[in-house]
Amino acid sequence: MIEVTDADFEAEVIGADLPVLVEFTADWCPPCRQMGPVLKALASEEGDRLKVVQLDVDANPGTTNAYKVLSMPTFMVFRGGEPVKAMVGARAKRRLREELADVL
């Protein structure tokens, strides 16, 4: 799973060819840490259809503020450079896959 920053968000997410799932996360957030294995599994299973990245909200306030992220974890799906879906809170892999079905 790729970690993105304010500096490379444009290139890694906005300019990506595939839809991109961005997890806005923080080291101090237990539900965010809980999502780590779920996202790694999703990235390996769906790597040909979906790019999965993480953005640390504390280290990257520009992107965090630009998308008005207030709660962790927040998941946003970007397609064609635009956010097309947002979800807040930890969830099971099965539920996450179901919620992503309409954007893949």
N, C-alpha and C. Protein backbone atom coordinates (compact mmCIF):
# COMPACT_ATOMS: atom_id res chain seq x y z
N MET A 1 0.85 -1.18 0.00
CA MET A 1 0.00 0.00 0.00
C MET A 1 0.89 1.24 0.00
N ILE A 2 0.51 2.22 -0.78
CA ILE A 2 1.32 3.41 -0.98
C ILE A 2 0.90 4.49 0.02
N GLU A 3 1.88 5.18 0.58
CA GLU A 3 1.59 6.35 1.41
C GLU A 3 1.78 7.58 0.55
N VAL A 4 0.77 8.45 0.55
CA VAL A 4 0.86 9.68 -0.23
C VAL A 4 0.97 10.87 0.71
N THR A 5 1.43 11.99 0.16
CA THR A 5 1.62 13.22 0.93
C THR A 5 0.97 14.38 0.18
N ASP A 6 0.95 15.53 0.85
CA ASP A 6 0.47 16.74 0.16
C ASP A 6 1.25 16.95 -1.14
N ALA A 7 2.55 16.66 -1.10
CA ALA A 7 3.43 16.92 -2.25
C ALA A 7 3.13 16.03 -3.45
N ASP A 8 2.78 14.76 -3.21
CA ASP A 8 2.56 13.86 -4.37
C ASP A 8 1.10 13.43 -4.55
N PHE A 9 0.18 14.04 -3.81
CA PHE A 9 -1.24 13.67 -3.91
C PHE A 9 -1.75 13.88 -5.34
N GLU A 10 -1.38 14.99 -5.93
CA GLU A 10 -1.81 15.31 -7.30
C GLU A 10 -1.38 14.21 -8.27
N ALA A 11 -0.12 13.81 -8.21
CA ALA A 11 0.41 12.81 -9.15
C ALA A 11 -0.14 11.41 -8.85
N GLU A 12 -0.18 11.03 -7.57
CA GLU A 12 -0.56 9.66 -7.19
C GLU A 12 -2.07 9.41 -7.22
N VAL A 13 -2.85 10.43 -6.91
CA VAL A 13 -4.31 10.25 -6.78
C VAL A 13 -5.07 10.93 -7.91
N ILE A 14 -4.90 12.23 -8.03
CA ILE A 14 -5.65 13.00 -9.02
C ILE A 14 -5.31 12.54 -10.44
N GLY A 15 -4.03 12.25 -10.69
CA GLY A 15 -3.62 11.86 -12.03
C GLY A 15 -3.62 10.36 -12.29
N ALA A 16 -4.13 9.57 -11.37
CA ALA A 16 -4.09 8.11 -11.52
C ALA A 16 -5.04 7.63 -12.62
N ASP A 17 -4.63 6.56 -13.30
CA ASP A 17 -5.47 5.96 -14.34
C ASP A 17 -6.61 5.14 -13.75
N LEU A 18 -6.35 4.49 -12.63
CA LEU A 18 -7.36 3.66 -11.96
C LEU A 18 -8.13 4.49 -10.93
N PRO A 19 -9.32 4.03 -10.50
CA PRO A 19 -9.94 4.64 -9.33
C PRO A 19 -8.98 4.47 -8.14
N VAL A 20 -8.98 5.44 -7.23
CA VAL A 20 -8.07 5.41 -6.09
C VAL A 20 -8.88 5.50 -4.79
N LEU A 21 -8.65 4.55 -3.89
CA LEU A 21 -9.23 4.60 -2.55
C LEU A 21 -8.18 5.22 -1.64
N VAL A 22 -8.51 6.38 -1.06
CA VAL A 22 -7.60 7.06 -0.14
C VAL A 22 -8.13 6.89 1.27
N GLU A 23 -7.27 6.36 2.16
CA GLU A 23 -7.62 6.33 3.58
C GLU A 23 -6.93 7.51 4.23
N PHE A 24 -7.72 8.44 4.77
CA PHE A 24 -7.17 9.53 5.58
C PHE A 24 -7.03 8.95 6.98
N THR A 25 -5.79 8.87 7.47
CA THR A 25 -5.49 8.11 8.67
C THR A 25 -4.58 8.91 9.61
N ALA A 26 -4.39 8.37 10.82
CA ALA A 26 -3.49 8.98 11.80
C ALA A 26 -2.91 7.88 12.69
N ASP A 27 -1.68 8.08 13.12
CA ASP A 27 -1.01 7.09 13.97
C ASP A 27 -1.76 6.87 15.29
N TRP A 28 -2.40 7.91 15.81
CA TRP A 28 -3.06 7.84 17.11
C TRP A 28 -4.47 7.26 17.04
N CYS A 29 -4.89 6.81 15.87
CA CYS A 29 -6.27 6.37 15.64
C CYS A 29 -6.37 4.84 15.64
N PRO A 30 -6.89 4.22 16.72
CA PRO A 30 -7.00 2.75 16.74
C PRO A 30 -7.83 2.16 15.59
N PRO A 31 -8.99 2.73 15.23
CA PRO A 31 -9.74 2.15 14.09
C PRO A 31 -8.95 2.23 12.79
N CYS A 32 -8.09 3.24 12.65
CA CYS A 32 -7.25 3.35 11.45
C CYS A 32 -6.27 2.19 11.39
N ARG A 33 -5.64 1.90 12.53
CA ARG A 33 -4.68 0.78 12.58
C ARG A 33 -5.41 -0.53 12.29
N GLN A 34 -6.63 -0.65 12.76
CA GLN A 34 -7.46 -1.84 12.53
C GLN A 34 -7.70 -2.06 11.03
N MET A 35 -7.77 -0.98 10.28
CA MET A 35 -8.06 -1.06 8.84
C MET A 35 -6.84 -1.46 8.02
N GLY A 36 -5.64 -1.38 8.58
CA GLY A 36 -4.42 -1.70 7.86
C GLY A 36 -4.46 -3.03 7.12
N PRO A 37 -4.72 -4.15 7.83
CA PRO A 37 -4.76 -5.45 7.15
C PRO A 37 -5.88 -5.56 6.11
N VAL A 38 -7.00 -4.91 6.38
CA VAL A 38 -8.14 -4.93 5.44
C VAL A 38 -7.73 -4.25 4.14
N LEU A 39 -7.09 -3.08 4.26
CA LEU A 39 -6.69 -2.33 3.08
C LEU A 39 -5.57 -3.03 2.31
N LYS A 40 -4.64 -3.64 3.03
CA LYS A 40 -3.56 -4.38 2.36
C LYS A 40 -4.15 -5.54 1.55
N ALA A 41 -5.10 -6.27 2.14
CA ALA A 41 -5.74 -7.38 1.43
C ALA A 41 -6.50 -6.86 0.21
N LEU A 42 -7.24 -5.77 0.38
CA LEU A 42 -8.00 -5.19 -0.73
C LEU A 42 -7.05 -4.75 -1.84
N ALA A 43 -5.93 -4.14 -1.48
CA ALA A 43 -4.96 -3.68 -2.47
C ALA A 43 -4.40 -4.85 -3.27
N SER A 44 -4.12 -5.96 -2.60
CA SER A 44 -3.55 -7.10 -3.33
C SER A 44 -4.60 -7.81 -4.18
N GLU A 45 -5.85 -7.84 -3.71
CA GLU A 45 -6.91 -8.53 -4.46
C GLU A 45 -7.44 -7.70 -5.63
N GLU A 46 -7.47 -6.40 -5.47
CA GLU A 46 -8.09 -5.53 -6.47
C GLU A 46 -7.07 -4.62 -7.18
N GLY A 47 -5.80 -4.94 -7.08
CA GLY A 47 -4.74 -4.08 -7.61
C GLY A 47 -4.86 -3.74 -9.08
N ASP A 48 -5.52 -4.61 -9.86
CA ASP A 48 -5.69 -4.32 -11.28
C ASP A 48 -6.85 -3.38 -11.56
N ARG A 49 -7.74 -3.20 -10.56
CA ARG A 49 -8.93 -2.34 -10.75
C ARG A 49 -8.95 -1.13 -9.84
N LEU A 50 -8.14 -1.17 -8.75
CA LEU A 50 -8.23 -0.12 -7.73
C LEU A 50 -6.86 0.11 -7.12
N LYS A 51 -6.50 1.38 -6.99
CA LYS A 51 -5.27 1.75 -6.29
C LYS A 51 -5.66 2.14 -4.87
N VAL A 52 -4.93 1.62 -3.88
CA VAL A 52 -5.24 1.91 -2.48
C VAL A 52 -4.06 2.66 -1.87
N VAL A 53 -4.33 3.83 -1.30
CA VAL A 53 -3.26 4.65 -0.70
C VAL A 53 -3.71 5.16 0.67
N GLN A 54 -2.73 5.57 1.47
CA GLN A 54 -3.00 6.16 2.77
C GLN A 54 -2.39 7.55 2.82
N LEU A 55 -3.07 8.46 3.54
CA LEU A 55 -2.56 9.80 3.74
C LEU A 55 -2.63 10.10 5.24
N ASP A 56 -1.49 10.42 5.85
CA ASP A 56 -1.44 10.76 7.27
C ASP A 56 -1.94 12.20 7.43
N VAL A 57 -3.05 12.36 8.15
CA VAL A 57 -3.68 13.68 8.26
C VAL A 57 -2.83 14.68 9.04
N ASP A 58 -2.07 14.18 10.02
CA ASP A 58 -1.25 15.08 10.82
C ASP A 58 -0.07 15.64 10.02
N ALA A 59 0.51 14.82 9.16
CA ALA A 59 1.67 15.24 8.38
C ALA A 59 1.28 15.96 7.09
N ASN A 60 0.00 15.89 6.71
CA ASN A 60 -0.45 16.44 5.43
C ASN A 60 -1.74 17.26 5.59
N PRO A 61 -1.65 18.38 6.30
CA PRO A 61 -2.87 19.17 6.57
C PRO A 61 -3.47 19.82 5.32
N GLY A 62 -2.67 20.08 4.30
CA GLY A 62 -3.19 20.74 3.10
C GLY A 62 -4.26 19.92 2.41
N THR A 63 -3.95 18.66 2.13
CA THR A 63 -4.91 17.77 1.46
C THR A 63 -6.08 17.47 2.38
N THR A 64 -5.78 17.24 3.66
CA THR A 64 -6.83 16.94 4.65
C THR A 64 -7.86 18.07 4.70
N ASN A 65 -7.39 19.31 4.76
CA ASN A 65 -8.29 20.46 4.81
C ASN A 65 -9.00 20.70 3.49
N ALA A 66 -8.30 20.45 2.38
CA ALA A 66 -8.90 20.67 1.06
C ALA A 66 -10.15 19.81 0.87
N TYR A 67 -10.12 18.60 1.44
CA TYR A 67 -11.27 17.69 1.29
C TYR A 67 -12.14 17.64 2.54
N LYS A 68 -11.92 18.59 3.46
CA LYS A 68 -12.74 18.77 4.65
C LYS A 68 -12.88 17.49 5.47
N VAL A 69 -11.76 16.78 5.64
CA VAL A 69 -11.76 15.55 6.43
C VAL A 69 -11.66 15.90 7.89
N LEU A 70 -12.65 15.45 8.67
CA LEU A 70 -12.70 15.76 10.10
C LEU A 70 -12.58 14.53 10.99
N SER A 71 -12.95 13.37 10.48
CA SER A 71 -12.95 12.14 11.28
C SER A 71 -12.01 11.12 10.66
N MET A 72 -11.41 10.30 11.52
CA MET A 72 -10.54 9.24 11.05
C MET A 72 -11.12 7.89 11.45
N PRO A 73 -11.00 6.87 10.62
CA PRO A 73 -10.55 6.99 9.24
C PRO A 73 -11.67 7.48 8.33
N THR A 74 -11.30 8.29 7.36
CA THR A 74 -12.21 8.66 6.28
C THR A 74 -11.66 8.02 5.01
N PHE A 75 -12.54 7.42 4.25
CA PHE A 75 -12.16 6.82 2.98
C PHE A 75 -12.80 7.63 1.87
N MET A 76 -12.01 7.99 0.87
CA MET A 76 -12.54 8.68 -0.31
C MET A 76 -12.09 7.94 -1.54
N VAL A 77 -13.01 7.79 -2.47
CA VAL A 77 -12.68 7.19 -3.76
C VAL A 77 -12.61 8.32 -4.78
N PHE A 78 -11.49 8.38 -5.49
CA PHE A 78 -11.29 9.35 -6.55
C PHE A 78 -11.29 8.62 -7.88
N ARG A 79 -12.02 9.17 -8.83
CA ARG A 79 -12.03 8.62 -10.19
C ARG A 79 -11.96 9.80 -11.15
N GLY A 80 -11.03 9.73 -12.09
CA GLY A 80 -10.87 10.84 -13.03
C GLY A 80 -10.49 12.14 -12.34
N GLY A 81 -9.80 12.04 -11.22
CA GLY A 81 -9.34 13.23 -10.51
C GLY A 81 -10.36 13.85 -9.58
N GLU A 82 -11.56 13.28 -9.51
CA GLU A 82 -12.62 13.84 -8.67
C GLU A 82 -13.03 12.86 -7.58
N PRO A 83 -13.35 13.36 -6.37
CA PRO A 83 -13.88 12.47 -5.34
C PRO A 83 -15.31 12.05 -5.72
N VAL A 84 -15.56 10.74 -5.77
CA VAL A 84 -16.88 10.25 -6.17
C VAL A 84 -17.61 9.55 -5.03
N LYS A 85 -16.91 9.26 -3.94
CA LYS A 85 -17.55 8.59 -2.81
C LYS A 85 -16.73 8.86 -1.56
N ALA A 86 -17.41 9.02 -0.42
CA ALA A 86 -16.73 9.18 0.87
C ALA A 86 -17.43 8.32 1.92
N MET A 87 -16.63 7.71 2.78
CA MET A 87 -17.15 6.87 3.85
C MET A 87 -16.34 7.17 5.11
N VAL A 88 -16.98 7.18 6.26
CA VAL A 88 -16.30 7.48 7.51
C VAL A 88 -16.42 6.29 8.45
N GLY A 89 -15.29 5.93 9.07
CA GLY A 89 -15.29 4.88 10.08
C GLY A 89 -14.78 3.56 9.58
N ALA A 90 -14.26 2.77 10.53
CA ALA A 90 -13.74 1.44 10.20
C ALA A 90 -14.89 0.54 9.78
N ARG A 91 -14.58 -0.43 8.93
CA ARG A 91 -15.58 -1.39 8.47
C ARG A 91 -14.90 -2.69 8.09
N ALA A 92 -15.67 -3.75 8.08
CA ALA A 92 -15.16 -5.06 7.67
C ALA A 92 -14.86 -5.05 6.18
N LYS A 93 -13.96 -5.94 5.76
CA LYS A 93 -13.57 -5.99 4.34
C LYS A 93 -14.78 -6.24 3.45
N ARG A 94 -15.65 -7.16 3.85
CA ARG A 94 -16.83 -7.47 3.04
C ARG A 94 -17.70 -6.23 2.82
N ARG A 95 -17.91 -5.47 3.88
CA ARG A 95 -18.73 -4.26 3.78
C ARG A 95 -18.04 -3.21 2.90
N LEU A 96 -16.74 -3.08 3.07
CA LEU A 96 -15.99 -2.12 2.26
C LEU A 96 -16.08 -2.48 0.78
N ARG A 97 -15.92 -3.77 0.47
CA ARG A 97 -16.04 -4.22 -0.92
C ARG A 97 -17.43 -3.91 -1.49
N GLU A 98 -18.47 -4.16 -0.68
CA GLU A 98 -19.84 -3.87 -1.12
C GLU A 98 -20.01 -2.38 -1.41
N GLU A 99 -19.43 -1.55 -0.55
CA GLU A 99 -19.58 -0.09 -0.73
C GLU A 99 -18.78 0.41 -1.92
N LEU A 100 -17.75 -0.32 -2.30
CA LEU A 100 -16.93 0.09 -3.45
C LEU A 100 -17.44 -0.45 -4.78
N ALA A 101 -18.38 -1.38 -4.72
CA ALA A 101 -18.85 -2.07 -5.94
C ALA A 101 -19.34 -1.09 -7.02
N ASP A 102 -20.01 -0.03 -6.61
CA ASP A 102 -20.57 0.90 -7.60
C ASP A 102 -19.54 1.85 -8.20
N VAL A 103 -18.34 1.90 -7.65
CA VAL A 103 -17.33 2.81 -8.20
C VAL A 103 -16.19 2.07 -8.90
N LEU A 104 -16.21 0.75 -8.85
CA LEU A 104 -15.15 -0.01 -9.52
C LEU A 104 -15.55 -0.37 -10.93
